Amino acid sequence: MRSRRRIAAAAALVVLTADLVDSAATRTAYFHPRPLWLLAGGAAAAAAVLVLAPRVPSLALSFGAGMTTGGALGMLVAALVWSRGVPDPLVRGSVAFNLADVAIAAGDALLVTSALLVAWRRRHVLRQPI
């Protein structure tokens, strides 16, 4: 479990750093403000995912948890640092986003996929009476 925690923490740190460096280094005209309650809820959910996910015996699930947490923390820090809101330096057509958005989406996809895989591999345990 210790190695899964390290993987999750390292992934969160890498995503957080990459998002903040990208947001600071790239000029953008697009920002989106976030309400404080949403940031607080996101930080609490990210912390819960980071603490609970490494308990599941899956490195991929821990990595996904780290990606999601890093993205949520990147959003939180960016909202606190930039007065106009969270910067969105990546623009594709009419959609503006940042690396934190990408990390949250990819991390969530990896979390769900890994959880389903673990459940499938351990389905005999799921059928045992409680």
N, C-alpha and C. Protein backbone atom coordinates (compact mmCIF):
# COMPACT_ATOMS: atom_id res chain seq x y z
N MET A 1 0.83 -1.19 0.00
CA MET A 1 0.00 0.00 0.00
C MET A 1 0.88 1.25 0.00
N ARG A 2 2.04 1.14 0.58
CA ARG A 2 2.94 2.30 0.64
C ARG A 2 3.36 2.76 -0.75
N SER A 3 3.66 1.80 -1.64
CA SER A 3 4.07 2.19 -3.00
C SER A 3 2.91 2.82 -3.77
N ARG A 4 1.68 2.34 -3.53
CA ARG A 4 0.53 2.94 -4.21
C ARG A 4 0.29 4.36 -3.72
N ARG A 5 0.53 4.61 -2.44
CA ARG A 5 0.41 5.98 -1.92
C ARG A 5 1.46 6.89 -2.54
N ARG A 6 2.67 6.38 -2.68
CA ARG A 6 3.74 7.18 -3.29
C ARG A 6 3.42 7.50 -4.75
N ILE A 7 2.90 6.53 -5.47
CA ILE A 7 2.54 6.75 -6.87
C ILE A 7 1.45 7.81 -6.97
N ALA A 8 0.43 7.72 -6.11
CA ALA A 8 -0.65 8.70 -6.13
C ALA A 8 -0.14 10.09 -5.78
N ALA A 9 0.70 10.18 -4.76
CA ALA A 9 1.24 11.48 -4.35
C ALA A 9 2.15 12.06 -5.43
N ALA A 10 2.98 11.22 -6.04
CA ALA A 10 3.88 11.70 -7.09
C ALA A 10 3.09 12.17 -8.30
N ALA A 11 2.07 11.43 -8.69
CA ALA A 11 1.24 11.84 -9.84
C ALA A 11 0.55 13.17 -9.54
N ALA A 12 0.04 13.34 -8.32
CA ALA A 12 -0.62 14.59 -7.95
C ALA A 12 0.36 15.75 -8.01
N LEU A 13 1.57 15.55 -7.52
CA LEU A 13 2.58 16.60 -7.52
C LEU A 13 3.00 16.98 -8.93
N VAL A 14 3.18 15.99 -9.80
CA VAL A 14 3.58 16.25 -11.18
C VAL A 14 2.47 17.02 -11.92
N VAL A 15 1.23 16.59 -11.76
CA VAL A 15 0.11 17.27 -12.42
C VAL A 15 -0.05 18.69 -11.90
N LEU A 16 0.02 18.86 -10.58
CA LEU A 16 -0.10 20.19 -9.98
C LEU A 16 0.99 21.12 -10.51
N THR A 17 2.22 20.66 -10.53
CA THR A 17 3.34 21.47 -11.01
C THR A 17 3.18 21.80 -12.49
N ALA A 18 2.86 20.81 -13.31
CA ALA A 18 2.71 21.04 -14.75
C ALA A 18 1.58 22.03 -15.03
N ASP A 19 0.48 21.90 -14.32
CA ASP A 19 -0.65 22.80 -14.54
C ASP A 19 -0.28 24.24 -14.15
N LEU A 20 0.34 24.42 -13.02
CA LEU A 20 0.68 25.77 -12.57
C LEU A 20 1.74 26.41 -13.46
N VAL A 21 2.73 25.63 -13.89
CA VAL A 21 3.76 26.16 -14.79
C VAL A 21 3.13 26.54 -16.13
N ASP A 22 2.26 25.68 -16.65
CA ASP A 22 1.60 25.98 -17.92
C ASP A 22 0.71 27.22 -17.80
N SER A 23 -0.04 27.32 -16.73
CA SER A 23 -0.92 28.49 -16.54
C SER A 23 -0.13 29.78 -16.38
N ALA A 24 1.01 29.69 -15.71
CA ALA A 24 1.83 30.90 -15.49
C ALA A 24 2.61 31.29 -16.74
N ALA A 25 3.04 30.32 -17.52
CA ALA A 25 3.91 30.61 -18.66
C ALA A 25 3.16 30.99 -19.93
N THR A 26 1.90 30.63 -20.00
CA THR A 26 1.13 30.86 -21.22
C THR A 26 0.19 32.05 -21.05
N ARG A 27 0.28 32.98 -21.98
CA ARG A 27 -0.66 34.12 -21.95
C ARG A 27 -2.01 33.65 -22.45
N THR A 28 -3.06 34.11 -21.76
CA THR A 28 -4.41 33.74 -22.18
C THR A 28 -5.38 34.88 -21.89
N ALA A 29 -6.41 34.94 -22.68
CA ALA A 29 -7.46 35.93 -22.47
C ALA A 29 -8.66 35.28 -21.79
N TYR A 30 -8.58 33.98 -21.58
CA TYR A 30 -9.72 33.24 -21.04
C TYR A 30 -9.48 32.84 -19.59
N PHE A 31 -10.43 33.18 -18.74
CA PHE A 31 -10.39 32.82 -17.33
C PHE A 31 -11.80 32.39 -16.93
N HIS A 32 -11.90 31.52 -15.96
CA HIS A 32 -13.22 31.20 -15.43
C HIS A 32 -13.17 31.25 -13.91
N PRO A 33 -14.01 32.10 -13.33
CA PRO A 33 -14.06 32.19 -11.87
C PRO A 33 -14.74 30.95 -11.28
N ARG A 34 -14.29 30.56 -10.12
CA ARG A 34 -14.89 29.42 -9.41
C ARG A 34 -15.37 29.89 -8.05
N PRO A 35 -16.58 29.52 -7.64
CA PRO A 35 -17.03 29.90 -6.30
C PRO A 35 -16.24 29.15 -5.23
N LEU A 36 -16.10 29.78 -4.09
CA LEU A 36 -15.30 29.20 -3.00
C LEU A 36 -15.84 27.86 -2.55
N TRP A 37 -17.17 27.70 -2.51
CA TRP A 37 -17.75 26.44 -2.05
C TRP A 37 -17.38 25.30 -3.00
N LEU A 38 -17.29 25.60 -4.29
CA LEU A 38 -16.93 24.58 -5.26
C LEU A 38 -15.46 24.18 -5.11
N LEU A 39 -14.61 25.16 -4.87
CA LEU A 39 -13.19 24.87 -4.66
C LEU A 39 -12.97 24.05 -3.38
N ALA A 40 -13.68 24.43 -2.31
CA ALA A 40 -13.55 23.69 -1.05
C ALA A 40 -14.06 22.26 -1.20
N GLY A 41 -15.18 22.11 -1.87
CA GLY A 41 -15.72 20.76 -2.10
C GLY A 41 -14.81 19.91 -2.97
N GLY A 42 -14.24 20.53 -3.99
CA GLY A 42 -13.31 19.81 -4.85
C GLY A 42 -12.05 19.39 -4.11
N ALA A 43 -11.54 20.26 -3.26
CA ALA A 43 -10.34 19.93 -2.48
C ALA A 43 -10.63 18.81 -1.49
N ALA A 44 -11.80 18.84 -0.85
CA ALA A 44 -12.17 17.78 0.09
C ALA A 44 -12.34 16.44 -0.63
N ALA A 45 -12.99 16.47 -1.78
CA ALA A 45 -13.18 15.24 -2.55
C ALA A 45 -11.84 14.69 -3.05
N ALA A 46 -10.96 15.59 -3.49
CA ALA A 46 -9.64 15.16 -3.96
C ALA A 46 -8.83 14.53 -2.83
N ALA A 47 -8.90 15.14 -1.65
CA ALA A 47 -8.18 14.57 -0.50
C ALA A 47 -8.72 13.19 -0.14
N ALA A 48 -10.04 13.04 -0.18
CA ALA A 48 -10.64 11.74 0.12
C ALA A 48 -10.21 10.68 -0.90
N VAL A 49 -10.21 11.05 -2.17
CA VAL A 49 -9.78 10.12 -3.21
C VAL A 49 -8.31 9.73 -3.02
N LEU A 50 -7.48 10.71 -2.69
CA LEU A 50 -6.04 10.45 -2.52
C LEU A 50 -5.79 9.54 -1.32
N VAL A 51 -6.60 9.65 -0.28
CA VAL A 51 -6.42 8.83 0.91
C VAL A 51 -7.00 7.42 0.70
N LEU A 52 -8.17 7.34 0.08
CA LEU A 52 -8.86 6.05 -0.01
C LEU A 52 -8.42 5.18 -1.18
N ALA A 53 -8.10 5.77 -2.31
CA ALA A 53 -7.78 4.98 -3.50
C ALA A 53 -6.58 4.03 -3.32
N PRO A 54 -5.50 4.44 -2.66
CA PRO A 54 -4.39 3.50 -2.51
C PRO A 54 -4.71 2.24 -1.71
N ARG A 55 -5.86 2.19 -1.05
CA ARG A 55 -6.26 0.99 -0.32
C ARG A 55 -6.67 -0.14 -1.27
N VAL A 56 -7.07 0.24 -2.47
CA VAL A 56 -7.45 -0.76 -3.49
C VAL A 56 -6.17 -1.29 -4.13
N PRO A 57 -6.05 -2.60 -4.27
CA PRO A 57 -4.80 -3.16 -4.81
C PRO A 57 -4.65 -2.96 -6.32
N SER A 58 -4.42 -1.71 -6.72
CA SER A 58 -4.25 -1.40 -8.14
C SER A 58 -3.37 -0.16 -8.29
N LEU A 59 -2.25 -0.32 -8.99
CA LEU A 59 -1.37 0.82 -9.24
C LEU A 59 -2.04 1.83 -10.18
N ALA A 60 -2.78 1.32 -11.17
CA ALA A 60 -3.45 2.21 -12.12
C ALA A 60 -4.50 3.06 -11.41
N LEU A 61 -5.23 2.47 -10.48
CA LEU A 61 -6.23 3.22 -9.74
C LEU A 61 -5.56 4.31 -8.89
N SER A 62 -4.45 3.99 -8.27
CA SER A 62 -3.71 4.98 -7.48
C SER A 62 -3.18 6.10 -8.36
N PHE A 63 -2.69 5.76 -9.55
CA PHE A 63 -2.20 6.78 -10.47
C PHE A 63 -3.34 7.69 -10.92
N GLY A 64 -4.49 7.11 -11.22
CA GLY A 64 -5.67 7.90 -11.59
C GLY A 64 -6.10 8.81 -10.46
N ALA A 65 -6.04 8.33 -9.24
CA ALA A 65 -6.38 9.16 -8.09
C ALA A 65 -5.41 10.32 -7.96
N GLY A 66 -4.14 10.07 -8.21
CA GLY A 66 -3.15 11.14 -8.17
C GLY A 66 -3.38 12.18 -9.24
N MET A 67 -3.71 11.72 -10.44
CA MET A 67 -4.00 12.66 -11.54
C MET A 67 -5.20 13.54 -11.20
N THR A 68 -6.26 12.93 -10.72
CA THR A 68 -7.46 13.67 -10.36
C THR A 68 -7.18 14.67 -9.25
N THR A 69 -6.46 14.23 -8.23
CA THR A 69 -6.13 15.10 -7.11
C THR A 69 -5.24 16.25 -7.55
N GLY A 70 -4.24 15.96 -8.36
CA GLY A 70 -3.36 17.02 -8.86
C GLY A 70 -4.13 18.05 -9.67
N GLY A 71 -5.07 17.61 -10.48
CA GLY A 71 -5.89 18.54 -11.25
C GLY A 71 -6.77 19.39 -10.36
N ALA A 72 -7.38 18.77 -9.36
CA ALA A 72 -8.24 19.53 -8.44
C ALA A 72 -7.42 20.53 -7.62
N LEU A 73 -6.25 20.12 -7.18
CA LEU A 73 -5.40 21.05 -6.43
C LEU A 73 -4.87 22.17 -7.33
N GLY A 74 -4.58 21.85 -8.58
CA GLY A 74 -4.16 22.87 -9.53
C GLY A 74 -5.25 23.91 -9.74
N MET A 75 -6.48 23.45 -9.83
CA MET A 75 -7.63 24.35 -9.96
C MET A 75 -7.76 25.24 -8.72
N LEU A 76 -7.59 24.64 -7.55
CA LEU A 76 -7.71 25.38 -6.30
C LEU A 76 -6.63 26.45 -6.18
N VAL A 77 -5.39 26.07 -6.43
CA VAL A 77 -4.29 27.03 -6.32
C VAL A 77 -4.43 28.13 -7.36
N ALA A 78 -4.78 27.77 -8.58
CA ALA A 78 -4.94 28.78 -9.64
C ALA A 78 -6.05 29.76 -9.29
N ALA A 79 -7.14 29.28 -8.72
CA ALA A 79 -8.25 30.16 -8.35
C ALA A 79 -7.83 31.13 -7.25
N LEU A 80 -6.93 30.69 -6.38
CA LEU A 80 -6.47 31.56 -5.30
C LEU A 80 -5.39 32.53 -5.75
N VAL A 81 -4.60 32.15 -6.75
CA VAL A 81 -3.48 32.97 -7.21
C VAL A 81 -3.90 34.03 -8.21
N TRP A 82 -4.71 33.65 -9.21
CA TRP A 82 -5.11 34.59 -10.26
C TRP A 82 -6.42 35.26 -9.86
N SER A 83 -6.42 36.57 -9.84
CA SER A 83 -7.59 37.31 -9.37
C SER A 83 -8.77 37.24 -10.34
N ARG A 84 -8.51 37.04 -11.62
CA ARG A 84 -9.61 36.97 -12.61
C ARG A 84 -10.24 35.58 -12.69
N GLY A 85 -9.69 34.61 -11.99
CA GLY A 85 -10.21 33.25 -12.02
C GLY A 85 -9.15 32.29 -12.53
N VAL A 86 -9.55 31.07 -12.76
CA VAL A 86 -8.62 30.04 -13.24
C VAL A 86 -8.32 30.28 -14.71
N PRO A 87 -7.03 30.41 -15.07
CA PRO A 87 -6.69 30.65 -16.47
C PRO A 87 -6.93 29.40 -17.33
N ASP A 88 -7.39 29.64 -18.55
CA ASP A 88 -7.62 28.57 -19.52
C ASP A 88 -6.76 28.82 -20.75
N PRO A 89 -5.47 28.41 -20.71
CA PRO A 89 -4.57 28.71 -21.83
C PRO A 89 -4.75 27.83 -23.06
N LEU A 90 -5.45 26.72 -22.93
CA LEU A 90 -5.63 25.82 -24.07
C LEU A 90 -6.99 26.10 -24.71
N VAL A 91 -6.97 26.45 -25.98
CA VAL A 91 -8.22 26.77 -26.69
C VAL A 91 -8.30 25.90 -27.94
N ARG A 92 -9.41 25.18 -28.06
CA ARG A 92 -9.68 24.36 -29.24
C ARG A 92 -11.08 24.72 -29.72
N GLY A 93 -11.15 25.46 -30.81
CA GLY A 93 -12.45 25.91 -31.31
C GLY A 93 -13.06 26.90 -30.34
N SER A 94 -14.25 26.58 -29.85
CA SER A 94 -14.93 27.48 -28.92
C SER A 94 -14.80 27.00 -27.47
N VAL A 95 -13.91 26.05 -27.22
CA VAL A 95 -13.73 25.50 -25.87
C VAL A 95 -12.36 25.92 -25.33
N ALA A 96 -12.36 26.50 -24.14
CA ALA A 96 -11.12 26.89 -23.47
C ALA A 96 -10.99 26.05 -22.20
N PHE A 97 -9.79 25.52 -21.95
CA PHE A 97 -9.56 24.67 -20.78
C PHE A 97 -8.10 24.76 -20.39
N ASN A 98 -7.73 24.04 -19.34
CA ASN A 98 -6.34 24.02 -18.89
C ASN A 98 -5.91 22.58 -18.61
N LEU A 99 -4.65 22.41 -18.22
CA LEU A 99 -4.14 21.06 -17.95
C LEU A 99 -4.85 20.40 -16.78
N ALA A 100 -5.30 21.21 -15.81
CA ALA A 100 -6.02 20.63 -14.67
C ALA A 100 -7.30 19.96 -15.14
N ASP A 101 -8.01 20.58 -16.07
CA ASP A 101 -9.22 19.98 -16.61
C ASP A 101 -8.92 18.64 -17.29
N VAL A 102 -7.86 18.61 -18.06
CA VAL A 102 -7.46 17.38 -18.76
C VAL A 102 -7.07 16.30 -17.75
N ALA A 103 -6.31 16.68 -16.72
CA ALA A 103 -5.88 15.71 -15.71
C ALA A 103 -7.06 15.15 -14.92
N ILE A 104 -8.02 16.01 -14.59
CA ILE A 104 -9.20 15.54 -13.86
C ILE A 104 -9.99 14.55 -14.72
N ALA A 105 -10.21 14.87 -15.99
CA ALA A 105 -10.96 13.98 -16.88
C ALA A 105 -10.22 12.66 -17.10
N ALA A 106 -8.93 12.73 -17.37
CA ALA A 106 -8.15 11.51 -17.60
C ALA A 106 -8.04 10.68 -16.33
N GLY A 107 -7.81 11.36 -15.20
CA GLY A 107 -7.71 10.65 -13.92
C GLY A 107 -9.01 9.97 -13.55
N ASP A 108 -10.14 10.64 -13.76
CA ASP A 108 -11.44 10.03 -13.48
C ASP A 108 -11.69 8.82 -14.37
N ALA A 109 -11.34 8.94 -15.64
CA ALA A 109 -11.51 7.81 -16.57
C ALA A 109 -10.66 6.62 -16.11
N LEU A 110 -9.43 6.90 -15.71
CA LEU A 110 -8.55 5.83 -15.23
C LEU A 110 -9.05 5.24 -13.92
N LEU A 111 -9.57 6.08 -13.04
CA LEU A 111 -10.15 5.60 -11.77
C LEU A 111 -11.31 4.64 -12.02
N VAL A 112 -12.24 5.05 -12.85
CA VAL A 112 -13.42 4.23 -13.10
C VAL A 112 -13.04 2.93 -13.80
N THR A 113 -12.19 3.03 -14.82
CA THR A 113 -11.77 1.83 -15.55
C THR A 113 -11.03 0.86 -14.64
N SER A 114 -10.12 1.38 -13.83
CA SER A 114 -9.36 0.53 -12.91
C SER A 114 -10.25 -0.10 -11.85
N ALA A 115 -11.19 0.67 -11.32
CA ALA A 115 -12.11 0.13 -10.32
C ALA A 115 -12.95 -1.01 -10.90
N LEU A 116 -13.42 -0.83 -12.14
CA LEU A 116 -14.19 -1.89 -12.79
C LEU A 116 -13.33 -3.13 -13.03
N LEU A 117 -12.08 -2.93 -13.41
CA LEU A 117 -11.17 -4.05 -13.63
C LEU A 117 -10.90 -4.80 -12.33
N VAL A 118 -10.65 -4.07 -11.26
CA VAL A 118 -10.40 -4.70 -9.96
C VAL A 118 -11.65 -5.46 -9.51
N ALA A 119 -12.81 -4.86 -9.68
CA ALA A 119 -14.05 -5.54 -9.30
C ALA A 119 -14.24 -6.82 -10.11
N TRP A 120 -13.92 -6.76 -11.40
CA TRP A 120 -14.08 -7.95 -12.25
C TRP A 120 -13.10 -9.05 -11.83
N ARG A 121 -11.86 -8.66 -11.56
CA ARG A 121 -10.86 -9.67 -11.17
C ARG A 121 -11.15 -10.26 -9.80
N ARG A 122 -11.79 -9.51 -8.94
CA ARG A 122 -12.07 -9.96 -7.58
C ARG A 122 -13.57 -10.22 -7.37
N ARG A 123 -14.27 -10.58 -8.44
CA ARG A 123 -15.71 -10.75 -8.35
C ARG A 123 -16.11 -11.87 -7.40
N HIS A 124 -15.23 -12.84 -7.23
CA HIS A 124 -15.55 -13.92 -6.28
C HIS A 124 -15.65 -13.38 -4.84
N VAL A 125 -14.88 -12.38 -4.53
CA VAL A 125 -14.93 -11.76 -3.21
C VAL A 125 -16.21 -10.92 -3.06
N LEU A 126 -16.63 -10.30 -4.15
CA LEU A 126 -17.83 -9.46 -4.10
C LEU A 126 -19.10 -10.27 -3.84
N ARG A 127 -19.07 -11.56 -4.17
CA ARG A 127 -20.26 -12.40 -4.01
C ARG A 127 -20.34 -13.06 -2.63
N GLN A 128 -19.33 -12.87 -1.82
CA GLN A 128 -19.36 -13.48 -0.48
C GLN A 128 -20.34 -12.75 0.41
N PRO A 129 -21.03 -13.49 1.27
CA PRO A 129 -21.96 -12.82 2.19
C PRO A 129 -21.19 -11.95 3.20
N ILE A 130 -21.87 -10.94 3.64
CA ILE A 130 -21.23 -10.02 4.58
C ILE A 130 -21.42 -10.52 5.99
